C-alpha atoms as a PDB file:
ATOM      1  CA  MET A   1      49.993  38.293  -3.267  1.00  0.00           C
ATOM      2  CA  LEU A   2      49.473  38.961   0.498  1.00  0.00           C
ATOM      3  CA  VAL A   3      46.204  40.326  -0.270  1.00  0.00           C
ATOM      4  CA  VAL A   4      44.987  37.436  -2.308  1.00  0.00           C
ATOM      5  CA  TYR A   5      46.426  35.322   0.383  1.00  0.00           C
ATOM      6  CA  TYR A   6      44.196  37.230   2.904  1.00  0.00           C
ATOM      7  CA  ILE A   7      41.047  36.977   0.736  1.00  0.00           C
ATOM      8  CA  PHE A   8      41.339  33.204   0.494  1.00  0.00           C
ATOM      9  CA  VAL A   9      41.770  32.859   4.434  1.00  0.00           C
ATOM     10  CA  VAL A  10      38.803  35.044   5.077  1.00  0.00           C
ATOM     11  CA  ALA A  11      36.897  32.910   2.836  1.00  0.00           C
ATOM     12  CA  VAL A  12      37.557  29.654   4.295  1.00  0.00           C
ATOM     13  CA  LEU A  13      36.934  30.881   7.746  1.00  0.00           C
ATOM     14  CA  LEU A  14      33.853  32.220   6.596  1.00  0.00           C
ATOM     15  CA  ASP A  15      32.751  28.810   4.915  1.00  0.00           C
ATOM     16  CA  GLN A  16      33.448  27.205   8.346  1.00  0.00           C
ATOM     17  CA  VAL A  17      31.313  29.736  10.140  1.00  0.00           C
ATOM     18  CA  VAL A  18      28.142  28.913   7.638  1.00  0.00           C
ATOM     19  CA  SER A  19      28.622  25.300   7.581  1.00  0.00           C
ATOM     20  CA  ASP A  20      28.932  25.512  11.425  1.00  0.00           C
ATOM     21  CA  ASP A  21      25.374  27.068  11.463  1.00  0.00           C
ATOM     22  CA  PRO A  22      22.559  24.788  11.656  1.00  0.00           C
ATOM     23  CA  THR A  23      19.949  27.303   9.950  1.00  0.00           C
ATOM     24  CA  THR A  24      22.257  27.741   6.932  1.00  0.00           C
ATOM     25  CA  CYS A  25      24.316  24.682   6.598  1.00  0.00           C
ATOM     26  CA  THR A  26      22.996  22.631   3.351  1.00  0.00           C
ATOM     27  CA  LYS A  27      23.920  19.365   5.313  1.00  0.00           C
ATOM     28  CA  TYR A  28      21.520  19.916   8.362  1.00  0.00           C
ATOM     29  CA  GLY A  29      19.726  16.774   8.857  1.00  0.00           C
ATOM     30  CA  LEU A  30      21.636  15.514   5.860  1.00  0.00           C
ATOM     31  CA  GLU A  31      24.425  14.169   7.270  1.00  0.00           C
ATOM     32  CA  LEU A  32      25.336  12.082  10.738  1.00  0.00           C
ATOM     33  CA  ASP A  33      27.340  14.924  11.917  1.00  0.00           C
ATOM     34  CA  HIS A  34      24.646  17.488  11.350  1.00  0.00           C
ATOM     35  CA  PRO A  35      21.582  16.173  12.883  1.00  0.00           C
ATOM     36  CA  GLY A  36      18.233  18.180  13.080  1.00  0.00           C
ATOM     37  CA  THR A  37      15.662  17.660  15.910  1.00  0.00           C
ATOM     38  CA  SER A  38      12.612  16.564  13.597  1.00  0.00           C
ATOM     39  CA  CYS A  39      11.595  16.325   9.966  1.00  0.00           C
ATOM     40  CA  ALA A  40       9.997  19.788  10.165  1.00  0.00           C
ATOM     41  CA  ASP A  41      13.100  21.435  11.934  1.00  0.00           C
ATOM     42  CA  ILE A  42      14.741  19.968   9.060  1.00  0.00           C
ATOM     43  CA  TYR A  43      12.453  21.380   6.273  1.00  0.00           C
ATOM     44  CA  GLU A  44      12.579  24.922   8.535  1.00  0.00           C
ATOM     45  CA  LYS A  45      15.984  25.442   8.516  1.00  0.00           C
ATOM     46  CA  ASN A  46      17.428  23.644   5.613  1.00  0.00           C
ATOM     47  CA  PRO A  47      15.909  24.809   2.088  1.00  0.00           C
ATOM     48  CA  ALA A  48      17.954  21.963   0.245  1.00  0.00           C
ATOM     49  CA  SER A  49      16.149  19.514   2.058  1.00  0.00           C
ATOM     50  CA  HIS A  50      12.883  20.498   0.651  1.00  0.00           C
ATOM     51  CA  TYR A  51      13.402  18.125  -2.763  1.00  0.00           C
ATOM     52  CA  LYS A  52      14.882  15.398  -0.522  1.00  0.00           C
ATOM     53  CA  SER A  53      12.309  13.173   1.056  1.00  0.00           C
ATOM     54  CA  GLY A  54      13.665   9.872   2.292  1.00  0.00           C
ATOM     55  CA  LEU A  55      16.132   9.123   5.252  1.00  0.00           C
ATOM     56  CA  HIS A  56      17.248  12.305   7.418  1.00  0.00           C
ATOM     57  CA  VAL A  57      19.191  12.332  10.688  1.00  0.00           C
ATOM     58  CA  ILE A  58      17.479  13.879  13.810  1.00  0.00           C
ATOM     59  CA  LYS A  59      19.013  13.798  17.247  1.00  0.00           C
ATOM     60  CA  THR A  60      16.177  13.261  20.183  1.00  0.00           C
ATOM     61  CA  ASN A  61      17.438  11.157  22.650  1.00  0.00           C
ATOM     62  CA  LYS A  62      19.671   9.426  20.444  1.00  0.00           C
ATOM     63  CA  VAL A  63      21.181  10.141  16.881  1.00  0.00           C
ATOM     64  CA  GLN A  64      18.897   8.110  14.163  1.00  0.00           C
ATOM     65  CA  LEU A  65      17.844   7.892  10.905  1.00  0.00           C
ATOM     66  CA  VAL A  66      14.027   8.488   9.937  1.00  0.00           C
ATOM     67  CA  TYR A  67      12.273   8.766   7.014  1.00  0.00           C
ATOM     68  CA  CYS A  68      11.063  12.807   6.234  1.00  0.00           C
ATOM     69  CA  ASP A  69       8.701  13.484   3.600  1.00  0.00           C
ATOM     70  CA  MET A  70       9.386  16.595   2.370  1.00  0.00           C
ATOM     71  CA  SER A  71       6.331  17.148  -0.310  1.00  0.00           C
ATOM     72  CA  LEU A  72       3.716  15.906   1.447  1.00  0.00           C
ATOM     73  CA  GLU A  73       1.053  18.684   2.226  1.00  0.00           C
ATOM     74  CA  CYS A  74      -1.504  17.523   5.044  1.00  0.00           C
ATOM     75  CA  GLY A  75      -4.054  20.263   6.754  1.00  0.00           C
ATOM     76  CA  SER A  76      -2.205  22.893   4.978  1.00  0.00           C
ATOM     77  CA  HIS A  77       1.024  21.926   6.404  1.00  0.00           C
ATOM     78  CA  LYS A  78       3.475  21.095   3.846  1.00  0.00           C
ATOM     79  CA  GLY A  79       6.541  19.378   3.958  1.00  0.00           C
ATOM     80  CA  GLY A  80       8.520  18.019   7.010  1.00  0.00           C
ATOM     81  CA  TRP A  81       6.574  15.166   7.903  1.00  0.00           C
ATOM     82  CA  MET A  82       8.242  12.242   9.793  1.00  0.00           C
ATOM     83  CA  ARG A  83       6.665   8.759   8.827  1.00  0.00           C
ATOM     84  CA  ILE A  84       6.053   6.423  11.466  1.00  0.00           C
ATOM     85  CA  ALA A  85       3.852   3.937   9.469  1.00  0.00           C
ATOM     86  CA  ASP A  86       3.948   2.600   5.684  1.00  0.00           C
ATOM     87  CA  LEU A  87       2.247  -0.749   5.482  1.00  0.00           C
ATOM     88  CA  ASN A  88       1.201  -2.221   2.493  1.00  0.00           C
ATOM     89  CA  SER A  89       0.144  -5.897   3.314  1.00  0.00           C
ATOM     90  CA  SER A  90       0.504  -7.258   0.091  1.00  0.00           C
ATOM     91  CA  ARG A  91       4.147  -6.441   0.487  1.00  0.00           C
ATOM     92  CA  ASP A  92       4.951  -6.412   3.987  1.00  0.00           C
ATOM     93  CA  ASN A  93       4.444  -8.588   7.158  1.00  0.00           C
ATOM     94  CA  CYS A  94       1.688  -7.381   9.543  1.00  0.00           C
ATOM     95  CA  PRO A  95       2.989  -5.320  12.529  1.00  0.00           C
ATOM     96  CA  PRO A  96       3.096  -7.355  15.803  1.00  0.00           C
ATOM     97  CA  GLY A  97      -0.672  -7.580  16.902  1.00  0.00           C
ATOM     98  CA  TRP A  98      -2.319  -8.025  13.832  1.00  0.00           C
ATOM     99  CA  ILE A  99      -2.463 -11.225  11.548  1.00  0.00           C
ATOM    100  CA  LYS A 100      -2.011 -12.249   7.736  1.00  0.00           C
ATOM    101  CA  ASN A 101      -5.215 -13.749   6.728  1.00  0.00           C
ATOM    102  CA  SER A 102      -4.618 -16.105   3.909  1.00  0.00           C
ATOM    103  CA  GLY A 103      -8.272 -16.619   3.411  1.00  0.00           C
ATOM    104  CA  TYR A 104      -8.616 -12.830   2.459  1.00  0.00           C
ATOM    105  CA  ASN A 105      -5.738 -12.076   0.020  1.00  0.00           C
ATOM    106  CA  SER A 106      -3.434 -12.440   2.666  1.00  0.00           C
ATOM    107  CA  LEU A 107      -4.612  -8.877   4.112  1.00  0.00           C
ATOM    108  CA  CYS A 108      -3.796  -7.940   7.726  1.00  0.00           C
ATOM    109  CA  THR A 109      -6.870  -8.591  10.179  1.00  0.00           C
ATOM    110  CA  GLY A 110      -7.004  -8.938  13.887  1.00  0.00           C
ATOM    111  CA  GLY A 111      -7.776 -11.960  15.864  1.00  0.00           C
ATOM    112  CA  SER A 112     -10.740 -14.547  15.569  1.00  0.00           C
ATOM    113  CA  ALA A 113     -12.152 -13.339  18.750  1.00  0.00           C
ATOM    114  CA  ALA A 114     -14.599 -10.400  19.096  1.00  0.00           C
ATOM    115  CA  GLY A 115     -12.286  -7.599  20.381  1.00  0.00           C
ATOM    116  CA  CYS A 116      -9.895  -5.049  19.707  1.00  0.00           C
ATOM    117  CA  TYR A 117      -6.470  -5.942  18.603  1.00  0.00           C
ATOM    118  CA  SER A 118      -3.879  -3.225  18.749  1.00  0.00           C
ATOM    119  CA  ALA A 119      -0.516  -2.452  16.522  1.00  0.00           C
ATOM    120  CA  HIS A 120       1.730   0.300  18.133  1.00  0.00           C
ATOM    121  CA  PHE A 121       3.915   2.793  15.584  1.00  0.00           C
ATOM    122  CA  THR A 122       6.856   4.444  17.216  1.00  0.00           C
ATOM    123  CA  THR A 123       7.607   7.676  17.215  1.00  0.00           C
ATOM    124  CA  ASP A 124      11.188   7.503  17.863  1.00  0.00           C
ATOM    125  CA  GLY A 125      11.087   9.602  20.623  1.00  0.00           C
ATOM    126  CA  THR A 126       9.777  12.569  18.677  1.00  0.00           C
ATOM    127  CA  SER A 127       7.203  14.869  19.861  1.00  0.00           C
ATOM    128  CA  PHE A 128       4.544  15.994  17.892  1.00  0.00           C
ATOM    129  CA  SER A 129       1.565  18.028  17.721  1.00  0.00           C
ATOM    130  CA  ARG A 130       0.055  16.957  14.225  1.00  0.00           C
ATOM    131  CA  ILE A 131      -0.629  13.930  12.715  1.00  0.00           C
ATOM    132  CA  CYS A 132      -1.633  12.811   9.388  1.00  0.00           C
ATOM    133  CA  GLY A 133      -2.418   9.466   7.931  1.00  0.00           C
ATOM    134  CA  MET A 134      -4.469   7.412   5.745  1.00  0.00           C
ATOM    135  CA  MET A 135      -5.940   3.652   5.327  1.00  0.00           C
ATOM    136  CA  LYS A 136      -7.390   1.347   2.897  1.00  0.00           C
ATOM    137  CA  GLY A 137      -9.446  -1.597   3.825  1.00  0.00           C
ATOM    138  CA  TYR A 138     -12.391  -4.000   2.961  1.00  0.00           C
ATOM    139  CA  GLN A 139     -15.481  -4.810   4.831  1.00  0.00           C
ATOM    140  CA  LYS A 140     -16.288  -8.528   5.714  1.00  0.00           C
ATOM    141  CA  GLY A 141     -19.564  -9.648   7.166  1.00  0.00           C
ATOM    142  CA  SER A 142     -22.029  -7.803   9.024  1.00  0.00           C
ATOM    143  CA  MET A 143     -19.789  -4.711  10.183  1.00  0.00           C
ATOM    144  CA  ASP A 144     -21.947  -2.449  12.299  1.00  0.00           C
ATOM    145  CA  ALA A 145     -20.398   1.154  12.735  1.00  0.00           C
ATOM    146  CA  PHE A 146     -21.322   2.873  15.852  1.00  0.00           C
ATOM    147  CA  HIS A 147     -23.823   0.288  16.975  1.00  0.00           C
ATOM    148  CA  PRO A 148     -21.529  -0.923  19.923  1.00  0.00           C
ATOM    149  CA  TYR A 149     -21.170   2.382  21.527  1.00  0.00           C
ATOM    150  CA  SER A 150     -25.085   2.945  21.051  1.00  0.00           C
ATOM    151  CA  SER A 151     -25.848  -0.646  22.364  1.00  0.00           C
ATOM    152  CA  ALA A 152     -23.357   0.104  25.350  1.00  0.00           C
ATOM    153  CA  SER A 153     -25.186   3.267  26.016  1.00  0.00           C
ATOM    154  CA  GLY A 154     -28.310   1.596  26.180  1.00  0.00           C
ATOM    155  CA  LYS A 155     -29.427   3.126  22.814  1.00  0.00           C
ATOM    156  CA  GLY A 156     -29.646   0.077  20.601  1.00  0.00           C
ATOM    157  CA  TYR A 157     -30.401  -3.767  21.021  1.00  0.00           C
ATOM    158  CA  PRO A 158     -27.404  -5.269  22.813  1.00  0.00           C
ATOM    159  CA  SER A 159     -24.187  -6.360  21.135  1.00  0.00           C
ATOM    160  CA  PRO A 160     -23.253 -10.443  21.381  1.00  0.00           C
ATOM    161  CA  VAL A 161     -19.901  -9.443  23.650  1.00  0.00           C
ATOM    162  CA  THR A 162     -19.412  -6.681  26.050  1.00  0.00           C
ATOM    163  CA  VAL A 163     -19.015  -3.326  24.557  1.00  0.00           C
ATOM    164  CA  SER A 164     -17.551  -0.354  25.873  1.00  0.00           C
ATOM    165  CA  THR A 165     -18.689   3.706  26.224  1.00  0.00           C
ATOM    166  CA  THR A 166     -15.029   4.543  26.150  1.00  0.00           C
ATOM    167  CA  LEU A 167     -12.205   4.604  24.010  1.00  0.00           C
ATOM    168  CA  ASP A 168     -10.675   1.651  25.895  1.00  0.00           C
ATOM    169  CA  GLY A 169     -13.381  -0.624  24.909  1.00  0.00           C
ATOM    170  CA  ILE A 170     -15.100  -1.607  21.745  1.00  0.00           C
ATOM    171  CA  TYR A 171     -16.940   1.494  20.783  1.00  0.00           C
ATOM    172  CA  VAL A 172     -16.856   0.991  16.748  1.00  0.00           C
ATOM    173  CA  ASP A 173     -16.758  -1.733  14.383  1.00  0.00           C
ATOM    174  CA  GLY A 174     -13.946  -0.468  12.290  1.00  0.00           C
ATOM    175  CA  VAL A 175     -10.679   0.860  13.309  1.00  0.00           C
ATOM    176  CA  SER A 176      -9.569   3.192  16.292  1.00  0.00           C
ATOM    177  CA  ILE A 177      -6.451   5.434  16.153  1.00  0.00           C
ATOM    178  CA  THR A 178      -5.173   6.672  19.423  1.00  0.00           C
ATOM    179  CA  TYR A 179      -2.142   7.847  21.355  1.00  0.00           C
ATOM    180  CA  GLY A 180      -1.355   8.138  25.056  1.00  0.00           C
ATOM    181  CA  ASN A 181      -2.267   6.298  28.384  1.00  0.00           C
ATOM    182  CA  PRO A 182      -5.186   6.539  28.878  1.00  0.00           C
ATOM    183  CA  HIS A 183      -6.211   6.660  25.333  1.00  0.00           C
ATOM    184  CA  LYS A 184      -6.696   9.879  23.601  1.00  0.00           C
ATOM    185  CA  HIS A 185      -8.734   9.731  20.086  1.00  0.00           C
ATOM    186  CA  ILE A 186      -7.031  10.917  16.836  1.00  0.00           C
ATOM    187  CA  TRP A 187      -9.327   9.340  14.386  1.00  0.00           C
ATOM    188  CA  THR A 188     -11.804   6.449  13.621  1.00  0.00           C
ATOM    189  CA  TYR A 189     -12.250   4.432  10.298  1.00  0.00           C
ATOM    190  CA  ALA A 190     -16.031   2.927  10.897  1.00  0.00           C
ATOM    191  CA  VAL A 191     -17.805   0.310   8.648  1.00  0.00           C
ATOM    192  CA  GLY A 192     -21.457  -0.021   8.423  1.00  0.00           C
ATOM    193  CA  LEU A 193     -23.853  -2.635   7.453  1.00  0.00           C
ATOM    194  CA  SER A 194     -24.814  -1.184   4.029  1.00  0.00           C
ATOM    195  CA  GLU A 195     -24.548   1.923   2.074  1.00  0.00           C
ATOM    196  CA  ASP A 196     -28.472   2.021   0.706  1.00  0.00           C
ATOM    197  CA  HIS A 197     -30.495  -0.364   2.711  1.00  0.00           C
ATOM    198  CA  ASN A 198     -32.241   0.290   6.017  1.00  0.00           C
ATOM    199  CA  TYR A 199     -30.806  -1.475   8.699  1.00  0.00           C
ATOM    200  CA  GLY A 200     -31.160   1.363  11.440  1.00  0.00           C
ATOM    201  CA  ILE A 201     -28.522   1.483  13.906  1.00  0.00           C
ATOM    202  CA  LEU A 202     -26.147  -0.670  11.958  1.00  0.00           C
ATOM    203  CA  ASN A 203     -25.619   1.752   9.168  1.00  0.00           C
ATOM    204  CA  CYS A 204     -23.168   4.543   8.925  1.00  0.00           C
ATOM    205  CA  PRO A 205     -24.446   7.972  10.331  1.00  0.00           C
ATOM    206  CA  CYS A 206     -24.266   9.236   6.933  1.00  0.00           C
ATOM    207  CA  ALA A 207     -25.565   6.245   4.888  1.00  0.00           C
ATOM    208  CA  LYS A 208     -28.974   6.903   2.725  1.00  0.00           C
ATOM    209  CA  TYR A 209     -30.605   5.155   6.061  1.00  0.00           C
ATOM    210  CA  PRO A 210     -28.450   6.685   8.738  1.00  0.00           C
ATOM    211  CA  GLY A 211     -27.259   4.552  11.642  1.00  0.00           C
ATOM    212  CA  ALA A 212     -26.370   5.266  15.205  1.00  0.00           C
ATOM    213  CA  THR A 213     -24.087   8.407  15.934  1.00  0.00           C
ATOM    214  CA  PRO A 214     -20.713   8.292  17.199  1.00  0.00           C
ATOM    215  CA  PRO A 215     -19.733   8.879  20.630  1.00  0.00           C
ATOM    216  CA  PRO A 216     -19.404  12.638  21.872  1.00  0.00           C
ATOM    217  CA  TYR A 217     -15.568  11.762  22.125  1.00  0.00           C
ATOM    218  CA  ILE A 218     -15.247  11.193  18.368  1.00  0.00           C
ATOM    219  CA  GLY A 219     -16.822  14.181  17.422  1.00  0.00           C
ATOM    220  CA  ASN A 220     -16.432  14.729  13.671  1.00  0.00           C
ATOM    221  CA  ASP A 221     -12.947  13.017  13.686  1.00  0.00           C
ATOM    222  CA  TYR A 222     -14.110   9.983  11.700  1.00  0.00           C
ATOM    223  CA  TYR A 223     -14.621   8.072   8.466  1.00  0.00           C
ATOM    224  CA  CYS A 224     -17.573   5.872   8.052  1.00  0.00           C
ATOM    225  CA  GLU A 225     -18.462   3.839   5.039  1.00  0.00           C
ATOM    226  CA  SER A 226     -19.582   0.326   3.795  1.00  0.00           C
ATOM    227  CA  GLY A 227     -18.445  -2.029   1.102  1.00  0.00           C
ATOM    228  CA  ASN A 228     -21.811  -3.598   0.802  1.00  0.00           C
ATOM    229  CA  SER A 229     -23.944  -1.554  -1.854  1.00  0.00           C
ATOM    230  CA  GLY A 230     -27.055  -3.854  -1.504  1.00  0.00           C
ATOM    231  CA  ARG A 231     -28.733  -5.853   0.548  1.00  0.00           C
ATOM    232  CA  TYR A 232     -27.034  -7.863   3.374  1.00  0.00           C
ATOM    233  CA  GLU A 233     -27.940 -11.325   2.700  1.00  0.00           C
ATOM    234  CA  GLY A 234     -26.361 -12.877   6.080  1.00  0.00           C
ATOM    235  CA  GLU A 235     -23.327 -14.115   4.288  1.00  0.00           C
ATOM    236  CA  GLU A 236     -21.007 -13.519   7.145  1.00  0.00           C
ATOM    237  CA  SER A 237     -17.893 -15.026   5.202  1.00  0.00           C
ATOM    238  CA  THR A 238     -18.696 -12.349   2.247  1.00  0.00           C
ATOM    239  CA  LEU A 239     -15.680 -10.045   1.386  1.00  0.00           C
ATOM    240  CA  TYR A 240     -16.605  -6.862  -0.233  1.00  0.00           C
ATOM    241  CA  PRO A 241     -13.283  -6.519  -2.518  1.00  0.00           C
ATOM    242  CA  GLY A 242     -15.414  -4.358  -5.225  1.00  0.00           C
ATOM    243  CA  ASP A 243     -15.579  -1.082  -2.897  1.00  0.00           C
ATOM    244  CA  PRO A 244     -12.496  -0.071  -1.039  1.00  0.00           C
ATOM    245  CA  LEU A 245     -13.339   1.421   2.396  1.00  0.00           C
ATOM    246  CA  TRP A 246     -13.030   5.137   3.303  1.00  0.00           C
ATOM    247  CA  ASP A 247     -11.706   5.860  -0.422  1.00  0.00           C
ATOM    248  CA  GLY A 248     -14.624   8.785  -1.055  1.00  0.00           C
ATOM    249  CA  ASN A 249     -15.518   6.857  -4.198  1.00  0.00           C
ATOM    250  CA  ASN A 250     -18.533   4.962  -5.127  1.00  0.00           C
ATOM    251  CA  CYS A 251     -21.347   6.335  -2.583  1.00  0.00           C
ATOM    252  CA  PRO A 252     -24.634   5.500  -4.132  1.00  0.00           C
ATOM    253  CA  SER A 253     -27.382   8.561  -4.261  1.00  0.00           C
ATOM    254  CA  GLU A 254     -28.436   9.949  -0.764  1.00  0.00           C
ATOM    255  CA  ASN A 255     -25.577   8.524   0.554  1.00  0.00           C
ATOM    256  CA  ASN A 256     -23.157  11.228   2.228  1.00  0.00           C
ATOM    257  CA  CYS A 257     -20.210   8.988   3.518  1.00  0.00           C
ATOM    258  CA  CYS A 258     -17.856   9.578   0.405  1.00  0.00           C
ATOM    259  CA  ASN A 259     -18.538  13.709   0.816  1.00  0.00           C
ATOM    260  CA  ARG A 260     -15.591  14.382   3.304  1.00  0.00           C
ATOM    261  CA  PRO A 261     -12.850  16.127   1.794  1.00  0.00           C
ATOM    262  CA  GLY A 262      -9.492  14.602   1.716  1.00  0.00           C
ATOM    263  CA  MET A 263     -10.415  11.183   2.287  1.00  0.00           C
ATOM    264  CA  PRO A 264      -8.943   8.579   2.512  1.00  0.00           C
ATOM    265  CA  TRP A 265      -6.578  10.979   4.301  1.00  0.00           C
ATOM    266  CA  PHE A 266      -7.069  12.574   7.662  1.00  0.00           C
ATOM    267  CA  PHE A 267      -5.380  15.458   9.677  1.00  0.00           C
ATOM    268  CA  GLN A 268      -5.546  16.116  13.161  1.00  0.00           C
ATOM    269  CA  GLN A 269      -3.992  19.252  15.399  1.00  0.00           C
ATOM    270  CA  LEU A 270      -3.584  18.128  19.180  1.00  0.00           C
ATOM    271  CA  PRO A 271      -4.188  20.962  21.783  1.00  0.00           C
ATOM    272  CA  VAL A 272      -0.564  20.276  22.888  1.00  0.00           C
ATOM    273  CA  LYS A 273       2.533  19.181  21.900  1.00  0.00           C
ATOM    274  CA  GLU A 274       2.613  15.454  22.513  1.00  0.00           C
ATOM    275  CA  SER A 275       5.536  13.156  23.564  1.00  0.00           C
ATOM    276  CA  ALA A 276       3.810   9.895  23.117  1.00  0.00           C
ATOM    277  CA  SER A 277       5.878   7.045  22.452  1.00  0.00           C
ATOM    278  CA  SER A 278       3.685   5.717  19.802  1.00  0.00           C
ATOM    279  CA  ILE A 279       0.600   5.682  17.843  1.00  0.00           C
ATOM    280  CA  GLU A 280      -1.887   2.714  18.607  1.00  0.00           C
ATOM    281  CA  VAL A 281      -4.084   1.640  15.930  1.00  0.00           C
ATOM    282  CA  ARG A 282      -6.799  -0.749  16.938  1.00  0.00           C
ATOM    283  CA  ILE A 283      -8.821  -3.273  14.764  1.00  0.00           C
ATOM    284  CA  CYS A 284     -12.286  -3.739  16.386  1.00  0.00           C
ATOM    285  CA  ASN A 285     -15.231  -5.852  15.706  1.00  0.00           C
ATOM    286  CA  ASP A 286     -17.957  -6.752  18.530  1.00  0.00           C
ATOM    287  CA  GLN A 287     -18.357 -10.334  17.108  1.00  0.00           C
ATOM    288  CA  VAL A 288     -16.234 -12.912  16.278  1.00  0.00           C
ATOM    289  CA  PHE A 289     -14.509 -12.714  12.708  1.00  0.00           C
ATOM    290  CA  GLY A 290     -16.135 -15.332  11.460  1.00  0.00           C
ATOM    291  CA  ASN A 291     -19.140 -12.922  11.783  1.00  0.00           C
ATOM    292  CA  GLU A 292     -17.623  -9.803  10.622  1.00  0.00           C
ATOM    293  CA  GLY A 293     -14.294  -8.008  10.038  1.00  0.00           C
ATOM    294  CA  VAL A 294     -12.294  -5.201   8.638  1.00  0.00           C
ATOM    295  CA  VAL A 295      -9.191  -6.295   6.785  1.00  0.00           C
ATOM    296  CA  ILE A 296      -6.540  -3.640   5.659  1.00  0.00           C
ATOM    297  CA  GLU A 297      -4.400  -3.271   3.030  1.00  0.00           C
ATOM    298  CA  THR A 298      -2.641  -0.165   3.385  1.00  0.00           C
ATOM    299  CA  LEU A 299      -1.957   1.991   6.344  1.00  0.00           C
ATOM    300  CA  GLN A 300       0.478   5.386   6.354  1.00  0.00           C
ATOM    301  CA  LEU A 301       0.980   7.503   9.436  1.00  0.00           C
ATOM    302  CA  TYR A 302       2.924  10.780   9.930  1.00  0.00           C
ATOM    303  CA  ILE A 303       3.767  13.209  12.427  1.00  0.00           C
ATOM    304  CA  GLN A 304       5.033  16.859  12.727  1.00  0.00           C
END
């Protein structure tokens, strides 16, 4: 009897030791009194979390619940992605800085004037070195891809408004994703004028008739597409809903804009771990919305 009692006591003590060890505790990141430090940390240390995408507990400057996707694979890194943006504009309100445009299927747009309109998505104090995301939008009117940068560099005919050769201004007709201050580039979603008609520098660099090249600080970290598969007839209020942007589909022959693997998802590895408080997503156009714009339907952003 004494031997049985001894075995029972040892088993209880061993269970307490195992439970208090965060690398083996099946509660790690799943209960408030067992917070992880990040979604990636929970995925690494708690195999029980691998099948449980959803709210998890982390502690950075405070204990908080965050959404961890434990099945997402991006840039060959599977599991442990913390979601910081999940926008479906047909379901959700637009984030501060953007507006619902009732005239265009109640999707999210920037303002009516030319410029860049920022939405910020908090990282909740979590440091990160990898960013993954996707975006779906539609072209309105005469979007001109990297013509704003080309114009500001003196390589093309002037734009109607002051444009910029830096990340801080209008370098693209489309969407700019950055972090930090001053801005550091993550990804750009550009929108060209036409997929298969010759409009010179107004088209995407990958179009049948290539447009202006992107700025050097963008490199190859961008997607560019046009929703207009025909000739542009100057109908500036026209929305092109038949061809969603950046999805890698419906590009005509001799147009290489759909050839990028992974579209509409992007993956970016930062050179160093970053502690930025938010990711900034800017909708930019160098003419007023009456002439051109991009309307956003969905946006997802993850960090690791």
